[in-house]
C-alpha atoms as a PDB file:
ATOM      1  CA  GLN A   1     100.070 110.381  92.593  1.00  0.00           C
ATOM      2  CA  VAL A   2     100.651 108.132  95.535  1.00  0.00           C
ATOM      3  CA  GLN A   3      98.033 107.305  98.091  1.00  0.00           C
ATOM      4  CA  LEU A   4      99.244 106.200 101.513  1.00  0.00           C
ATOM      5  CA  VAL A   5      97.162 104.427 104.171  1.00  0.00           C
ATOM      6  CA  GLU A   6      98.540 103.688 107.619  1.00  0.00           C
ATOM      7  CA  SER A   7      97.157 100.920 109.904  1.00  0.00           C
ATOM      8  CA  GLY A   8      98.059  98.928 112.960  1.00  0.00           C
ATOM      9  CA  GLY A   9      97.999 101.717 115.691  1.00  0.00           C
ATOM     10  CA  GLY A  10      96.045 101.294 118.833  1.00  0.00           C
ATOM     11  CA  LEU A  11      96.390 101.218 122.721  1.00  0.00           C
ATOM     12  CA  VAL A  12      99.149  99.255 124.291  1.00  0.00           C
ATOM     13  CA  GLN A  13     100.837  99.140 127.621  1.00  0.00           C
ATOM     14  CA  ALA A  14     104.302 100.385 128.136  1.00  0.00           C
ATOM     15  CA  GLY A  15     106.856  97.652 127.093  1.00  0.00           C
ATOM     16  CA  GLY A  16     104.357  96.303 124.562  1.00  0.00           C
ATOM     17  CA  SER A  17     104.647  96.072 120.842  1.00  0.00           C
ATOM     18  CA  LEU A  18     102.838  97.261 117.826  1.00  0.00           C
ATOM     19  CA  ARG A  19     103.359  96.872 114.056  1.00  0.00           C
ATOM     20  CA  LEU A  20     102.364  99.746 111.795  1.00  0.00           C
ATOM     21  CA  SER A  21     101.798  99.209 108.119  1.00  0.00           C
ATOM     22  CA  CYS A  22     101.749 101.710 105.242  1.00  0.00           C
ATOM     23  CA  ALA A  23      99.995 100.559 102.066  1.00  0.00           C
ATOM     24  CA  ALA A  24     100.692 102.462  98.997  1.00  0.00           C
ATOM     25  CA  SER A  25      98.420 102.625  95.929  1.00  0.00           C
ATOM     26  CA  GLY A  26      98.177 104.658  92.689  1.00  0.00           C
ATOM     27  CA  ARG A  27     101.793 104.026  91.828  1.00  0.00           C
ATOM     28  CA  THR A  28     104.331 101.417  92.694  1.00  0.00           C
ATOM     29  CA  VAL A  29     106.617 102.734  95.497  1.00  0.00           C
ATOM     30  CA  SER A  30     109.494 100.647  94.670  1.00  0.00           C
ATOM     31  CA  SER A  31     111.478 103.708  93.541  1.00  0.00           C
ATOM     32  CA  TYR A  32     110.420 105.772  96.580  1.00  0.00           C
ATOM     33  CA  ALA A  33     112.199 106.423  99.709  1.00  0.00           C
ATOM     34  CA  MET A  34     109.693 105.996 102.655  1.00  0.00           C
ATOM     35  CA  GLY A  35     109.721 107.474 105.985  1.00  0.00           C
ATOM     36  CA  TRP A  36     107.746 107.472 109.287  1.00  0.00           C
ATOM     37  CA  PHE A  37     107.110 110.444 111.348  1.00  0.00           C
ATOM     38  CA  ARG A  38     105.041 111.176 114.455  1.00  0.00           C
ATOM     39  CA  GLN A  39     103.277 114.005 116.016  1.00  0.00           C
ATOM     40  CA  ALA A  40     102.213 114.289 119.614  1.00  0.00           C
ATOM     41  CA  PRO A  41      99.432 116.843 120.661  1.00  0.00           C
ATOM     42  CA  GLY A  42     100.974 120.195 120.910  1.00  0.00           C
ATOM     43  CA  LYS A  43     104.292 119.137 119.458  1.00  0.00           C
ATOM     44  CA  GLU A  44     105.895 119.381 116.063  1.00  0.00           C
ATOM     45  CA  ARG A  45     106.120 116.545 113.688  1.00  0.00           C
ATOM     46  CA  GLU A  46     109.322 114.575 114.356  1.00  0.00           C
ATOM     47  CA  PHE A  47     111.256 112.062 112.294  1.00  0.00           C
ATOM     48  CA  VAL A  48     111.105 108.442 113.441  1.00  0.00           C
ATOM     49  CA  ALA A  49     112.552 106.223 110.709  1.00  0.00           C
ATOM     50  CA  ALA A  50     113.324 106.135 107.057  1.00  0.00           C
ATOM     51  CA  ILE A  51     114.263 103.427 104.435  1.00  0.00           C
ATOM     52  CA  SER A  52     115.665 103.830 100.988  1.00  0.00           C
ATOM     53  CA  TRP A  53     113.745 102.353  98.017  1.00  0.00           C
ATOM     54  CA  SER A  54     116.149  99.368  97.804  1.00  0.00           C
ATOM     55  CA  GLY A  55     115.639  98.599 101.452  1.00  0.00           C
ATOM     56  CA  GLY A  56     119.325  98.506 101.872  1.00  0.00           C
ATOM     57  CA  SER A  57     119.681 101.655 103.961  1.00  0.00           C
ATOM     58  CA  THR A  58     117.768 102.717 107.082  1.00  0.00           C
ATOM     59  CA  ASP A  59     117.961 105.504 109.676  1.00  0.00           C
ATOM     60  CA  TYR A  60     116.336 106.057 112.995  1.00  0.00           C
ATOM     61  CA  ALA A  61     115.823 108.835 115.440  1.00  0.00           C
ATOM     62  CA  ARG A  62     117.931 108.445 118.467  1.00  0.00           C
ATOM     63  CA  SER A  63     114.841 108.148 120.675  1.00  0.00           C
ATOM     64  CA  VAL A  64     113.652 104.962 118.883  1.00  0.00           C
ATOM     65  CA  LYS A  65     116.898 103.401 117.880  1.00  0.00           C
ATOM     66  CA  GLY A  66     117.224  99.760 119.066  1.00  0.00           C
ATOM     67  CA  ARG A  67     113.496  99.582 119.672  1.00  0.00           C
ATOM     68  CA  PHE A  68     111.845 100.295 116.332  1.00  0.00           C
ATOM     69  CA  THR A  69     112.542  98.728 112.908  1.00  0.00           C
ATOM     70  CA  ILE A  70     111.466  99.909 109.502  1.00  0.00           C
ATOM     71  CA  SER A  71     111.121  97.496 106.551  1.00  0.00           C
ATOM     72  CA  ARG A  72     109.435  97.338 103.252  1.00  0.00           C
ATOM     73  CA  ASP A  73     108.076  94.771 100.899  1.00  0.00           C
ATOM     74  CA  ASN A  74     108.120  96.394  97.408  1.00  0.00           C
ATOM     75  CA  ALA A  75     106.115  93.407  95.960  1.00  0.00           C
ATOM     76  CA  LYS A  76     103.253  94.234  98.279  1.00  0.00           C
ATOM     77  CA  ASN A  77     103.855  98.098  97.946  1.00  0.00           C
ATOM     78  CA  THR A  78     104.002  98.229 101.881  1.00  0.00           C
ATOM     79  CA  VAL A  79     106.192  99.702 104.392  1.00  0.00           C
ATOM     80  CA  TYR A  80     106.234  98.553 108.095  1.00  0.00           C
ATOM     81  CA  LEU A  81     107.306  99.940 111.435  1.00  0.00           C
ATOM     82  CA  GLU A  82     107.803  97.226 114.095  1.00  0.00           C
ATOM     83  CA  MET A  83     107.756  99.061 117.461  1.00  0.00           C
ATOM     84  CA  ASN A  84     109.008  97.188 120.566  1.00  0.00           C
ATOM     85  CA  SER A  85     109.483  98.194 124.196  1.00  0.00           C
ATOM     86  CA  LEU A  86     107.020 101.061 123.848  1.00  0.00           C
ATOM     87  CA  LYS A  87     107.145 103.908 126.200  1.00  0.00           C
ATOM     88  CA  PRO A  88     104.426 106.471 127.129  1.00  0.00           C
ATOM     89  CA  GLU A  89     106.557 109.127 125.245  1.00  0.00           C
ATOM     90  CA  ASP A  90     106.030 107.218 122.083  1.00  0.00           C
ATOM     91  CA  THR A  91     102.399 108.170 122.113  1.00  0.00           C
ATOM     92  CA  ALA A  92     101.618 110.184 118.954  1.00  0.00           C
ATOM     93  CA  ALA A  93      99.889 110.065 115.575  1.00  0.00           C
ATOM     94  CA  TYR A  94     102.262 108.176 113.285  1.00  0.00           C
ATOM     95  CA  TYR A  95     102.485 109.105 109.598  1.00  0.00           C
ATOM     96  CA  CYS A  96     104.145 107.433 106.714  1.00  0.00           C
ATOM     97  CA  ALA A  97     105.531 109.432 103.723  1.00  0.00           C
ATOM     98  CA  ALA A  98     107.010 108.865 100.384  1.00  0.00           C
ATOM     99  CA  ARG A  99     109.573 110.527  98.221  1.00  0.00           C
ATOM    100  CA  PHE A 100     110.666 109.632  94.721  1.00  0.00           C
ATOM    101  CA  LEU A 101     114.450 109.278  94.577  1.00  0.00           C
ATOM    102  CA  ARG A 102     116.648 107.819  91.943  1.00  0.00           C
ATOM    103  CA  ASP A 103     119.363 107.021  94.388  1.00  0.00           C
ATOM    104  CA  SER A 104     118.667 103.546  95.747  1.00  0.00           C
ATOM    105  CA  GLY A 105     120.511 104.211  98.935  1.00  0.00           C
ATOM    106  CA  SER A 106     119.162 107.512  99.921  1.00  0.00           C
ATOM    107  CA  TYR A 107     116.279 108.650 102.143  1.00  0.00           C
ATOM    108  CA  PRO A 108     115.185 112.028 103.495  1.00  0.00           C
ATOM    109  CA  THR A 109     114.928 112.589 107.285  1.00  0.00           C
ATOM    110  CA  THR A 110     112.939 115.856 107.317  1.00  0.00           C
ATOM    111  CA  TRP A 111     109.321 116.095 106.794  1.00  0.00           C
ATOM    112  CA  PHE A 112     109.383 118.891 104.044  1.00  0.00           C
ATOM    113  CA  GLU A 113     111.460 116.570 101.811  1.00  0.00           C
ATOM    114  CA  TYR A 114     108.589 114.210 101.322  1.00  0.00           C
ATOM    115  CA  ASP A 115     106.043 114.511  98.628  1.00  0.00           C
ATOM    116  CA  TYR A 116     103.148 112.152  99.815  1.00  0.00           C
ATOM    117  CA  TRP A 117     101.683 111.561 103.129  1.00  0.00           C
ATOM    118  CA  GLY A 118      99.134 109.199 104.730  1.00  0.00           C
ATOM    119  CA  GLN A 119      96.344 110.292 107.147  1.00  0.00           C
ATOM    120  CA  GLY A 120      98.122 108.870 110.179  1.00  0.00           C
ATOM    121  CA  THR A 121      97.303 106.236 112.723  1.00  0.00           C
ATOM    122  CA  PRO A 122      97.129 106.880 116.438  1.00  0.00           C
ATOM    123  CA  VAL A 123      99.330 105.085 118.947  1.00  0.00           C
ATOM    124  CA  THR A 124      98.712 105.459 122.638  1.00  0.00           C
ATOM    125  CA  VAL A 125     101.126 103.854 125.163  1.00  0.00           C
ATOM    126  CA  SER A 126      99.779 103.611 128.789  1.00  0.00           C
ATOM    127  CA  SER A 127     102.006 103.612 131.811  1.00  0.00           C
END
């Protein structure tokens, strides 16, 4: 089993930055692809970013590309989401997720492909 705990969310003004962290425990996630998703009130959970377990491949939703950066530190069993130039429409609960994959360069981009989820951390961007 893998336990995931997100942190770093909060209230920020539009144009500001936040760095989310996702700490894994229970098992090393060095062979797990990791993803970030978000869900705003009344909306479906949507893909934000993903990273392969090697860290060599990443992908982003079109809405965040160029503003968000996903990274990982396998030695610390932690994945990060650096969010810059935040907009009010980025307001949501942000969740990290993990999926065991043998392919070092792959990552899922749909929520139902992930096996483990954190509890989420709220991000509120004020205008």
